[in-house]
N, C-alpha and C. Protein backbone atom coordinates (compact mmCIF):
# COMPACT_ATOMS: atom_id res chain seq x y z
N MET A 1 0.57 -1.02 -0.39
CA MET A 1 -0.34 -0.10 -0.15
C MET A 1 0.99 1.30 -0.11
N ALA A 2 1.78 1.42 0.82
CA ALA A 2 2.54 2.87 1.27
C ALA A 2 3.46 2.82 0.21
N GLU A 3 3.85 2.25 -0.67
CA GLU A 3 4.67 2.37 -1.91
C GLU A 3 4.30 2.71 -3.13
N HIS A 4 2.63 2.92 -3.13
CA HIS A 4 2.02 3.13 -4.11
C HIS A 4 1.32 4.82 -3.52
N LEU A 5 1.93 5.24 -2.68
CA LEU A 5 1.46 6.64 -2.34
C LEU A 5 2.55 7.68 -2.18
N GLN A 6 1.83 8.89 -2.74
CA GLN A 6 2.99 9.93 -2.50
C GLN A 6 3.32 10.58 -1.31
N ASN A 7 4.19 11.44 -0.86
CA ASN A 7 4.50 12.42 -0.16
C ASN A 7 3.97 11.58 0.93
N ILE A 8 4.86 11.02 1.76
CA ILE A 8 4.27 10.18 3.20
C ILE A 8 5.21 10.86 4.41
N LYS A 9 3.97 10.90 4.88
CA LYS A 9 4.76 11.65 6.52
C LYS A 9 4.69 10.46 7.66
N TYR A 10 3.90 9.43 7.53
CA TYR A 10 3.96 8.62 8.87
C TYR A 10 4.06 7.04 8.26
N ILE A 11 4.43 6.30 8.90
CA ILE A 11 4.11 4.77 8.57
C ILE A 11 3.93 4.30 9.90
N GLY A 12 2.52 3.43 10.09
CA GLY A 12 2.21 2.81 11.22
C GLY A 12 3.59 1.56 11.48
N HIS A 13 4.08 1.87 12.79
CA HIS A 13 4.91 0.27 13.48
C HIS A 13 4.12 -1.11 13.70
N LYS A 14 4.37 -1.97 14.26
CA LYS A 14 4.14 -3.19 14.24
C LYS A 14 2.44 -3.29 14.92
N ILE A 15 1.97 -3.89 14.69
CA ILE A 15 0.81 -4.33 15.01
C ILE A 15 0.64 -4.58 16.27
N ASP A 16 0.13 -3.48 17.53
CA ASP A 16 0.27 -4.06 18.61
C ASP A 16 -1.33 -4.58 19.20
N ASP A 17 -2.32 -3.90 18.91
CA ASP A 17 -3.44 -3.39 19.33
C ASP A 17 -4.38 -5.15 18.51
N PHE A 18 -4.07 -5.99 19.23
CA PHE A 18 -4.96 -7.19 18.78
C PHE A 18 -6.32 -7.52 19.10
N ASP A 19 -6.79 -6.79 19.94
CA ASP A 19 -7.96 -6.83 20.69
C ASP A 19 -8.59 -5.94 19.12
N THR A 20 -8.31 -5.02 18.23
CA THR A 20 -8.79 -4.50 17.48
C THR A 20 -9.05 -5.40 15.88
N PHE A 21 -7.64 -5.98 15.94
CA PHE A 21 -7.47 -6.74 15.00
C PHE A 21 -7.51 -8.17 14.61
N ASP A 22 -8.05 -8.54 16.15
CA ASP A 22 -8.79 -10.28 15.66
C ASP A 22 -10.69 -9.92 15.56
N ILE A 23 -11.21 -8.86 15.58
CA ILE A 23 -12.30 -8.63 15.08
C ILE A 23 -12.32 -7.92 13.42
N LEU A 24 -11.76 -7.96 12.83
CA LEU A 24 -11.33 -7.16 11.57
C LEU A 24 -12.03 -8.28 10.64
N PRO A 25 -12.46 -8.11 9.04
CA PRO A 25 -12.52 -9.31 8.79
C PRO A 25 -11.55 -9.41 7.80
N ASP A 26 -11.58 -10.26 7.47
CA ASP A 26 -10.00 -11.64 6.94
C ASP A 26 -9.30 -10.58 5.86
N PHE A 27 -9.98 -9.85 5.05
CA PHE A 27 -9.73 -8.98 3.50
C PHE A 27 -9.02 -7.46 4.66
N LEU A 28 -9.20 -7.01 5.77
CA LEU A 28 -8.80 -6.39 6.29
C LEU A 28 -7.79 -6.35 7.22
N LYS A 29 -7.45 -7.62 7.68
CA LYS A 29 -6.42 -8.68 8.25
C LYS A 29 -5.06 -8.49 7.66
N ASP A 30 -5.53 -8.78 5.95
CA ASP A 30 -4.40 -9.21 5.49
C ASP A 30 -3.82 -8.02 4.96
N PHE A 31 -4.62 -6.99 4.88
CA PHE A 31 -3.95 -5.50 4.14
C PHE A 31 -3.24 -5.01 5.64
N TYR A 32 -3.94 -5.24 6.96
CA TYR A 32 -3.07 -4.38 7.67
C TYR A 32 -1.31 -5.68 8.22
N LEU A 33 -1.55 -7.01 8.20
CA LEU A 33 -0.28 -7.64 8.05
C LEU A 33 0.48 -6.90 7.07
N ALA A 34 0.47 -6.64 5.77
CA ALA A 34 1.30 -5.99 5.68
C ALA A 34 1.56 -4.35 5.17
N ASP A 35 0.58 -3.57 5.95
CA ASP A 35 0.62 -2.30 6.13
C ASP A 35 -0.28 -1.90 6.94
N ASN A 36 0.11 -1.61 8.30
CA ASN A 36 -0.60 -0.87 9.18
C ASN A 36 -0.56 0.06 9.73
N GLY A 37 -1.58 1.14 8.53
CA GLY A 37 -1.19 2.38 8.57
C GLY A 37 -0.67 3.10 7.80
N VAL A 38 -1.02 4.75 7.33
CA VAL A 38 -0.19 5.55 6.48
C VAL A 38 -0.54 6.59 7.14
N ILE A 39 0.14 7.80 6.82
CA ILE A 39 -0.55 8.83 6.79
C ILE A 39 0.30 9.55 5.77
N ALA A 40 -0.24 9.78 4.26
CA ALA A 40 0.50 10.25 2.95
C ALA A 40 -0.43 11.04 2.08
N LEU A 41 0.30 11.66 1.17
CA LEU A 41 -0.24 12.77 0.37
C LEU A 41 -0.15 14.26 1.00
N ASN A 42 0.99 14.06 1.72
CA ASN A 42 1.37 15.55 2.10
C ASN A 42 0.53 15.97 3.64
N GLY A 43 -0.33 14.49 3.81
CA GLY A 43 -1.26 14.50 5.07
C GLY A 43 -2.93 14.54 4.74
N GLY A 44 -3.01 14.63 3.57
CA GLY A 44 -4.33 14.49 3.08
C GLY A 44 -5.20 13.40 3.48
N PHE A 45 -3.88 12.09 3.27
CA PHE A 45 -5.11 11.04 3.55
C PHE A 45 -4.48 10.18 4.68
N HIS A 46 -5.18 9.73 5.46
CA HIS A 46 -4.44 8.56 6.89
C HIS A 46 -5.50 7.71 7.14
N ILE A 47 -4.97 6.77 6.82
CA ILE A 47 -5.03 5.22 7.58
C ILE A 47 -4.63 4.73 8.82
N ARG A 48 -5.40 5.08 9.57
CA ARG A 48 -5.48 4.32 11.22
C ARG A 48 -5.00 3.04 11.35
N GLY A 49 -4.22 2.58 12.21
CA GLY A 49 -3.60 1.40 12.42
C GLY A 49 -4.13 0.45 13.22
N CYS A 50 -3.86 -0.40 13.28
CA CYS A 50 -4.33 -1.34 14.67
C CYS A 50 -2.70 -1.22 15.87
N VAL A 51 -2.89 -0.03 16.29
CA VAL A 51 -1.81 0.26 17.38
C VAL A 51 -2.34 0.80 18.55
N LYS A 52 -2.32 0.48 19.93
CA LYS A 52 -2.39 1.03 20.98
C LYS A 52 -1.92 2.62 20.88
N THR A 53 -0.32 2.93 20.26
CA THR A 53 0.05 4.56 20.57
C THR A 53 0.59 4.43 18.97
N PRO A 54 0.90 5.96 19.08
CA PRO A 54 0.10 7.03 19.59
C PRO A 54 -1.36 6.58 18.57
N ASN A 55 -2.36 7.66 20.17
CA ASN A 55 -3.83 7.41 20.09
C ASN A 55 -4.23 8.05 18.57
N ARG A 56 -3.80 9.12 17.66
CA ARG A 56 -4.35 9.91 16.87
C ARG A 56 -4.23 8.92 15.44
N HIS A 57 -3.36 7.38 15.37
CA HIS A 57 -2.87 6.90 15.01
C HIS A 57 -4.03 5.06 15.03
N SER A 58 -4.47 5.58 16.06
CA SER A 58 -5.11 4.06 16.57
C SER A 58 -6.58 4.14 15.98
N LEU A 59 -7.06 2.76 14.92
CA LEU A 59 -7.98 2.29 14.32
C LEU A 59 -8.85 2.47 15.97
N GLY A 60 -8.39 1.74 17.19
CA GLY A 60 -9.48 1.18 17.83
C GLY A 60 -9.50 2.23 18.64
N GLU A 61 -9.09 3.33 18.57
CA GLU A 61 -9.31 4.80 19.50
C GLU A 61 -10.74 4.86 19.20
N TYR A 62 -10.34 5.43 17.42
CA TYR A 62 -11.72 5.57 17.02
C TYR A 62 -13.00 5.12 16.78
N TRP A 63 -12.52 3.34 16.70
CA TRP A 63 -13.94 2.92 16.77
C TRP A 63 -14.20 2.56 17.63
N PHE A 64 -13.70 2.72 18.93
CA PHE A 64 -14.40 2.24 20.89
C PHE A 64 -13.90 3.13 21.74
N GLY A 65 -12.89 3.51 21.54
CA GLY A 65 -12.62 4.20 22.39
C GLY A 65 -12.95 5.65 22.92
N ASP A 66 -12.17 6.61 24.03
CA ASP A 66 -12.92 7.84 24.05
C ASP A 66 -12.76 8.68 23.26
N THR A 67 -12.33 8.42 21.92
CA THR A 67 -12.92 9.22 20.78
C THR A 67 -13.64 8.48 19.41
N LYS A 68 -14.51 7.63 20.27
CA LYS A 68 -14.87 7.28 18.98
C LYS A 68 -16.10 7.79 18.38
N LEU A 69 -16.13 7.68 17.24
CA LEU A 69 -16.48 8.61 15.99
C LEU A 69 -18.01 8.28 15.93
N SER A 70 -18.55 7.34 16.46
CA SER A 70 -19.67 6.78 16.21
C SER A 70 -20.66 7.48 17.80
N GLY A 71 -19.75 7.49 18.68
CA GLY A 71 -20.32 8.76 19.89
C GLY A 71 -20.12 10.04 19.54
N LEU A 72 -19.63 10.67 18.27
CA LEU A 72 -19.40 12.07 18.06
C LEU A 72 -20.34 12.28 16.70
N PHE A 73 -20.29 11.12 15.86
CA PHE A 73 -21.36 11.34 14.46
C PHE A 73 -22.70 10.77 14.62
N SER A 74 -23.95 11.17 14.48
CA SER A 74 -25.17 10.08 14.87
C SER A 74 -25.21 9.34 13.46
N SER A 75 -24.93 9.69 12.46
CA SER A 75 -24.84 8.78 11.22
C SER A 75 -24.13 7.72 11.27
N LEU A 76 -22.95 7.45 12.02
CA LEU A 76 -22.06 6.41 12.19
C LEU A 76 -22.66 5.18 13.48
N ASP A 77 -22.72 3.73 13.22
CA ASP A 77 -22.91 3.13 14.44
C ASP A 77 -21.84 2.71 14.55
N ILE A 78 -21.26 1.70 15.85
CA ILE A 78 -20.46 0.78 16.45
C ILE A 78 -19.96 -0.10 15.09
N ASN A 79 -20.88 -0.41 14.82
CA ASN A 79 -20.49 -1.08 13.37
C ASN A 79 -19.34 -0.93 12.16
N ASP A 80 -19.77 0.45 12.13
CA ASP A 80 -18.56 0.78 10.79
C ASP A 80 -17.46 0.50 11.51
N ILE A 81 -16.29 0.74 10.74
CA ILE A 81 -15.28 0.21 11.00
C ILE A 81 -14.44 2.00 10.67
N PRO A 82 -13.81 3.17 10.94
CA PRO A 82 -13.24 4.02 10.94
C PRO A 82 -11.94 3.88 10.45
N PHE A 83 -11.94 3.39 9.06
CA PHE A 83 -11.06 3.11 8.65
C PHE A 83 -9.72 3.94 8.21
N ALA A 84 -10.49 5.28 7.67
CA ALA A 84 -9.34 6.50 7.33
C ALA A 84 -9.95 7.53 7.36
N GLN A 85 -9.43 8.93 6.90
CA GLN A 85 -9.88 10.26 6.71
C GLN A 85 -9.42 10.89 5.97
N ASP A 86 -9.75 12.08 5.45
CA ASP A 86 -9.00 12.91 4.80
C ASP A 86 -8.60 14.31 5.78
N CYS A 87 -7.84 15.16 5.06
CA CYS A 87 -7.06 16.38 5.88
C CYS A 87 -7.98 17.48 6.05
N PHE A 88 -9.31 17.07 5.92
CA PHE A 88 -10.34 18.18 6.27
C PHE A 88 -11.64 17.54 7.60
N GLY A 89 -10.96 16.30 8.63
CA GLY A 89 -11.71 15.37 8.80
C GLY A 89 -12.91 14.40 8.47
N ASP A 90 -12.98 14.60 7.16
CA ASP A 90 -14.17 13.51 6.50
C ASP A 90 -13.74 12.28 6.28
N GLN A 91 -14.38 11.61 7.21
CA GLN A 91 -14.19 9.71 7.34
C GLN A 91 -14.93 9.41 6.53
N PHE A 92 -13.71 7.66 6.25
CA PHE A 92 -13.95 6.68 5.49
C PHE A 92 -14.23 5.77 6.35
N VAL A 93 -15.73 4.97 6.00
CA VAL A 93 -15.55 3.89 6.76
C VAL A 93 -16.02 2.51 6.11
N ILE A 94 -15.51 1.42 6.55
CA ILE A 94 -16.46 0.05 5.86
C ILE A 94 -17.69 0.14 6.88
N ARG A 95 -18.16 -0.46 6.19
CA ARG A 95 -19.78 -0.82 6.45
C ARG A 95 -20.71 -1.78 5.35
N GLN A 96 -20.90 -3.28 5.78
CA GLN A 96 -20.98 -4.07 4.92
C GLN A 96 -20.21 -4.65 4.02
N LYS A 97 -18.97 -4.17 3.96
CA LYS A 97 -18.17 -4.55 3.10
C LYS A 97 -18.18 -2.96 2.07
N ASN A 98 -18.78 -2.55 2.18
CA ASN A 98 -18.76 -1.16 0.93
C ASN A 98 -17.55 -0.41 2.26
N MET A 99 -17.45 0.98 1.09
CA MET A 99 -16.68 1.94 1.35
C MET A 99 -17.76 3.24 1.39
N TRP A 100 -17.91 3.81 2.66
CA TRP A 100 -19.10 5.41 2.69
C TRP A 100 -17.99 6.68 3.03
N ARG A 101 -18.56 7.01 2.61
CA ARG A 101 -17.77 8.65 3.22
C ARG A 101 -18.95 9.62 3.91
N LEU A 102 -18.13 9.64 5.34
CA LEU A 102 -19.00 10.85 6.38
C LEU A 102 -18.57 12.42 5.88
N SER A 103 -19.41 12.95 5.52
CA SER A 103 -19.39 14.49 5.62
C SER A 103 -19.27 14.86 6.64
N SER A 104 -18.07 15.19 7.57
CA SER A 104 -18.65 15.59 9.21
C SER A 104 -18.90 16.49 9.30
N GLU A 105 -19.10 17.73 8.24
CA GLU A 105 -19.67 19.21 8.80
C GLU A 105 -21.09 19.21 8.81
N THR A 106 -21.64 18.37 8.30
CA THR A 106 -23.31 18.33 7.91
C THR A 106 -23.96 16.80 9.16
N ASP A 107 -22.67 15.99 9.16
CA ASP A 107 -23.03 14.58 9.84
C ASP A 107 -23.94 13.70 8.55
N GLU A 108 -23.68 13.79 7.71
CA GLU A 108 -23.93 12.83 6.49
C GLU A 108 -23.33 11.70 5.75
N ILE A 109 -23.65 10.87 5.69
CA ILE A 109 -23.19 9.64 4.93
C ILE A 109 -23.33 9.43 4.02
N LYS A 110 -21.87 8.80 2.99
CA LYS A 110 -23.08 7.98 1.34
C LYS A 110 -22.30 7.12 1.46
N ASP A 111 -22.44 5.98 0.53
CA ASP A 111 -22.23 4.64 -0.12
C ASP A 111 -21.18 4.91 -1.27
N LEU A 112 -20.44 5.09 -0.78
CA LEU A 112 -18.93 5.29 -2.56
C LEU A 112 -19.02 4.11 -3.81
N GLU A 113 -20.27 2.86 -2.92
CA GLU A 113 -20.73 2.27 -4.03
C GLU A 113 -19.91 1.38 -4.65
N ILE A 114 -18.75 1.36 -3.57
CA ILE A 114 -17.36 0.63 -3.98
C ILE A 114 -16.61 -0.38 -3.06
N ASN A 115 -16.00 -1.00 -3.05
CA ASN A 115 -15.67 -1.81 -1.93
C ASN A 115 -14.29 -1.60 -1.58
N PHE A 116 -13.28 -2.33 -0.60
CA PHE A 116 -12.36 -1.24 0.08
C PHE A 116 -11.02 -1.49 -1.28
N PHE A 117 -11.14 -2.61 -2.06
CA PHE A 117 -9.90 -2.49 -2.89
C PHE A 117 -10.56 -1.81 -4.06
N GLU A 118 -11.32 -1.96 -4.63
CA GLU A 118 -11.98 -0.63 -5.44
C GLU A 118 -11.73 0.85 -4.91
N PHE A 119 -11.58 0.83 -3.68
CA PHE A 119 -11.42 2.32 -2.81
C PHE A 119 -9.86 2.11 -2.81
N LEU A 120 -9.56 1.20 -2.82
CA LEU A 120 -7.94 1.52 -2.45
C LEU A 120 -7.54 2.37 -3.96
N GLU A 121 -7.49 1.67 -5.44
CA GLU A 121 -7.14 1.64 -6.25
C GLU A 121 -7.78 2.70 -6.88
N GLN A 122 -8.79 3.44 -6.53
CA GLN A 122 -8.91 5.30 -6.83
C GLN A 122 -8.20 6.12 -6.24
N ILE A 123 -7.38 5.92 -4.90
CA ILE A 123 -6.64 6.25 -4.28
C ILE A 123 -5.23 6.09 -4.75
N TYR A 124 -5.33 4.82 -5.43
CA TYR A 124 -3.82 4.78 -6.27
C TYR A 124 -3.74 5.96 -7.18
N ASN A 125 -4.80 5.58 -8.25
CA ASN A 125 -5.01 6.13 -9.48
C ASN A 125 -5.49 7.61 -9.16
N ASN A 126 -5.96 8.34 -8.36
CA ASN A 126 -6.33 9.45 -8.92
C ASN A 126 -6.45 10.04 -7.32
N PRO A 127 -5.11 9.91 -6.25
CA PRO A 127 -5.76 10.42 -5.01
C PRO A 127 -6.32 11.70 -5.05
N TYR A 128 -5.46 12.80 -5.62
CA TYR A 128 -6.31 14.40 -5.16
C TYR A 128 -7.63 14.32 -5.47
N GLY A 129 -7.46 13.87 -6.87
CA GLY A 129 -9.07 14.17 -7.31
C GLY A 129 -9.91 13.42 -6.80
N PHE A 130 -10.30 12.32 -6.49
CA PHE A 130 -10.59 11.44 -5.76
C PHE A 130 -10.92 12.00 -4.41
N LEU A 131 -9.99 11.78 -3.60
CA LEU A 131 -10.37 12.82 -2.05
C LEU A 131 -10.58 14.33 -2.25
N ASN A 132 -10.59 15.09 -3.49
CA ASN A 132 -11.03 16.62 -3.38
C ASN A 132 -9.85 17.20 -2.48
N ILE A 133 -8.72 17.24 -2.45
CA ILE A 133 -7.52 17.74 -1.41
C ILE A 133 -6.08 18.54 -2.61
N ASP A 134 -6.96 18.74 -3.76
CA ASP A 134 -6.13 19.35 -4.90
C ASP A 134 -5.20 20.19 -3.95
N ASN A 135 -5.71 21.72 -3.33
CA ASN A 135 -4.54 22.51 -2.25
C ASN A 135 -3.76 22.03 -1.09
N ILE A 136 -4.01 20.82 -0.78
CA ILE A 136 -2.81 20.28 0.43
C ILE A 136 -1.74 20.23 0.20
N GLU A 137 -0.84 20.88 -0.90
CA GLU A 137 0.35 20.82 -1.33
C GLU A 137 0.69 22.12 -0.38
N SER A 138 -0.45 23.01 -0.54
CA SER A 138 0.21 24.45 0.15
C SER A 138 0.41 24.33 2.02
N PHE A 139 0.14 23.11 2.12
CA PHE A 139 0.23 23.07 4.22
C PHE A 139 1.39 21.95 4.27
N ASP A 140 1.94 21.97 5.39
CA ASP A 140 2.47 21.30 5.60
C ASP A 140 2.07 20.92 6.77
N LEU A 141 1.32 19.54 6.83
CA LEU A 141 0.50 19.18 7.57
C LEU A 141 1.54 17.95 8.75
N LYS A 142 1.58 17.98 9.72
CA LYS A 142 2.18 17.27 10.25
C LYS A 142 1.42 16.19 11.03
N PRO A 143 2.10 14.68 11.80
CA PRO A 143 1.16 13.81 12.18
C PRO A 143 0.64 14.08 13.00
N GLY A 144 -1.18 13.72 12.81
CA GLY A 144 -1.97 14.43 13.93
C GLY A 144 -2.64 15.70 13.45
N GLN A 145 -2.03 16.39 12.64
CA GLN A 145 -3.15 17.54 12.08
C GLN A 145 -4.02 17.61 11.31
N LEU A 146 -5.07 18.13 11.50
CA LEU A 146 -6.18 18.25 10.04
C LEU A 146 -5.88 19.83 9.61
N ILE A 147 -6.82 20.04 8.91
CA ILE A 147 -6.99 21.93 8.22
C ILE A 147 -8.49 22.20 8.71
N ASN A 148 -8.93 22.59 9.41
CA ASN A 148 -9.53 23.45 10.38
C ASN A 148 -10.28 24.58 9.08
N VAL A 149 -11.37 25.17 8.24
CA VAL A 149 -11.88 25.27 7.67
C VAL A 149 -12.81 26.29 8.05
N VAL A 150 -12.73 28.23 7.97
CA VAL A 150 -13.62 29.07 8.39
C VAL A 150 -14.07 29.75 7.46
N PRO A 151 -15.36 29.90 6.88
CA PRO A 151 -16.44 28.92 7.68
C PRO A 151 -16.59 27.32 6.89
N PRO A 152 -17.04 26.63 8.11
CA PRO A 152 -16.99 25.45 6.95
C PRO A 152 -17.41 25.56 5.46
N PHE A 153 -16.62 24.33 4.92
CA PHE A 153 -17.60 24.42 3.16
C PHE A 153 -18.68 24.18 2.92
N CYS A 154 -20.02 23.62 3.72
CA CYS A 154 -20.79 23.57 3.44
C CYS A 154 -21.74 25.09 3.86
N ILE A 155 -20.96 26.34 4.12
CA ILE A 155 -21.30 27.33 3.98
C ILE A 155 -21.02 28.32 2.92
N GLU A 156 -21.88 29.12 1.94
CA GLU A 156 -21.72 29.70 1.03
C GLU A 156 -21.17 30.49 1.84
N SER A 157 -19.60 31.25 1.31
CA SER A 157 -19.10 32.33 1.79
C SER A 157 -18.64 33.35 0.56
N LYS A 158 -19.13 34.08 0.97
CA LYS A 158 -18.86 35.31 -0.42
C LYS A 158 -17.43 36.00 -0.09
N ASP A 159 -16.93 36.07 0.87
CA ASP A 159 -15.76 36.71 1.03
C ASP A 159 -14.07 35.21 1.18
N GLY A 160 -15.03 34.01 1.32
CA GLY A 160 -13.94 32.73 0.90
C GLY A 160 -13.82 32.19 2.46
N TYR A 161 -12.82 31.47 2.34
CA TYR A 161 -12.33 30.47 3.35
C TYR A 161 -10.72 30.40 3.94
N SER A 162 -11.19 30.84 5.31
CA SER A 162 -9.58 30.79 6.10
C SER A 162 -9.54 29.27 6.38
N LEU A 163 -8.24 29.11 5.65
CA LEU A 163 -7.78 27.23 6.32
C LEU A 163 -6.34 26.95 6.92
N LYS A 164 -6.26 26.46 8.09
CA LYS A 164 -5.28 26.39 8.82
C LYS A 164 -5.15 24.77 9.66
N PRO A 165 -3.94 24.78 9.83
CA PRO A 165 -3.33 23.13 10.31
C PRO A 165 -4.43 23.54 12.19
N VAL A 166 -4.75 22.53 12.46
CA VAL A 166 -4.85 22.41 13.83
C VAL A 166 -4.77 21.25 14.57
N ASP A 167 -4.86 20.63 15.46
CA ASP A 167 -4.69 19.55 16.30
C ASP A 167 -6.22 18.57 16.16
N MET A 168 -5.99 17.18 15.43
CA MET A 168 -6.84 16.51 14.96
C MET A 168 -8.13 15.88 15.43
N GLU A 169 -7.64 15.57 16.97
CA GLU A 169 -8.73 15.60 17.57
C GLU A 169 -9.58 16.63 18.24
N GLU A 170 -8.98 17.92 17.94
CA GLU A 170 -9.46 19.04 18.42
C GLU A 170 -10.53 19.50 17.19
N GLN A 171 -10.03 19.20 15.53
CA GLN A 171 -11.01 19.36 14.41
C GLN A 171 -12.03 18.27 14.29
N ILE A 172 -11.58 17.44 15.16
CA ILE A 172 -12.64 15.99 15.01
C ILE A 172 -13.94 16.17 16.07
N LYS A 173 -13.78 17.28 17.17
CA LYS A 173 -14.59 17.22 17.73
C LYS A 173 -15.27 18.65 17.88
N TYR A 174 -14.94 19.53 16.74
CA TYR A 174 -15.07 20.52 16.57
C TYR A 174 -15.95 20.22 16.11
N LEU A 175 -16.28 19.38 14.35
CA LEU A 175 -16.84 19.43 13.40
C LEU A 175 -18.29 18.47 14.12
N SER A 176 -17.89 17.80 15.15
CA SER A 176 -18.86 17.02 15.73
C SER A 176 -19.93 17.97 16.26
N ASP A 177 -19.65 19.35 16.88
CA ASP A 177 -20.21 19.89 17.75
C ASP A 177 -20.65 20.92 16.44
N PHE A 178 -19.80 21.17 15.37
CA PHE A 178 -20.53 22.20 14.78
C PHE A 178 -21.75 21.23 14.04
N SER A 179 -21.38 20.45 12.99
CA SER A 179 -22.89 19.06 12.89
C SER A 179 -24.26 19.38 13.50
N LYS A 180 -23.91 18.77 15.03
CA LYS A 180 -24.75 19.16 15.94
C LYS A 180 -26.20 19.96 15.79
N GLN A 181 -25.01 21.38 15.71
CA GLN A 181 -25.88 22.46 15.95
C GLN A 181 -26.55 22.71 13.96
N ILE A 182 -26.13 22.70 13.25
CA ILE A 182 -26.42 22.82 12.42
C ILE A 182 -27.74 21.32 11.39
N LYS A 183 -27.82 20.59 12.17
CA LYS A 183 -28.56 19.49 11.39
C LYS A 183 -29.47 18.94 10.87
N ASP A 184 -30.52 19.73 11.95
CA ASP A 184 -31.96 20.03 11.65
C ASP A 184 -32.11 21.44 11.09
N LEU A 185 -31.45 21.80 10.60
CA LEU A 185 -31.87 23.38 9.95
C LEU A 185 -31.95 22.95 8.46
N PRO A 186 -33.29 23.91 7.81
CA PRO A 186 -33.23 23.89 6.48
C PRO A 186 -32.34 24.12 5.81
N ASN A 187 -32.31 23.86 4.80
CA ASN A 187 -31.45 24.32 3.67
C ASN A 187 -31.42 25.75 3.29
N GLY A 188 -30.46 26.72 2.95
CA GLY A 188 -30.93 28.48 2.56
C GLY A 188 -30.81 29.11 4.32
N THR A 189 -30.68 28.10 5.25
CA THR A 189 -30.79 29.15 6.49
C THR A 189 -29.49 30.22 6.81
N ASN A 190 -29.99 31.35 7.40
CA ASN A 190 -28.34 31.91 7.45
C ASN A 190 -28.01 31.75 8.65
N ILE A 191 -26.36 31.70 8.79
CA ILE A 191 -25.51 31.05 9.89
C ILE A 191 -24.67 32.21 10.14
N GLU A 192 -24.92 32.21 11.46
CA GLU A 192 -23.77 33.19 11.89
C GLU A 192 -22.95 32.68 13.32
N LEU A 193 -21.47 32.76 12.47
CA LEU A 193 -20.38 32.10 13.27
C LEU A 193 -20.01 33.24 14.22
N LYS A 194 -19.27 32.64 16.00
CA LYS A 194 -18.76 33.19 16.65
C LYS A 194 -17.69 32.47 17.12
N VAL A 195 -16.78 33.02 16.28
CA VAL A 195 -15.29 32.66 16.39
C VAL A 195 -14.67 32.79 17.75
N LYS A 196 -14.07 31.80 18.45
CA LYS A 196 -13.43 32.25 19.93
C LYS A 196 -12.33 32.28 19.84
């Protein structure tokens, strides 16, 4: 896997979280035996690993731990495997053998209608276009960072958007909180953002 990706920032160390590894489907176990996660594309794409530490790279942490994504986003449930994320905090999960994308700003999930191997093929062949991260090269993201967007992309802005690197866990919790506040608003609602 890693050898097919560009601009690698981090490669996961050996598997040490066997509680998580042991409950994975066989095709994912085979994948993790070859590559235990990676941060690539200049930080634009992160596949979590079966590790206990660091937390930022732990599949188990984001699946069952204190930062479990199914507890932060109502569109996810505990059976979704939170396999990967992009640099903005959108999540890629495996649900019933298909890949799904969680738009974290709005807490909406979409079936990509491809399986795990087709997903990897898209990442290999057209990573920046498939992930919609063409501007990632202008950032120097460090492992454990995502890009915060103000206002969020789901809000139409006449003045453009401000993008800056922030702590990954902080960004994911921010997106969870933001999505809860707008989830039930009708399309076209005017939103006033208060920046702290």
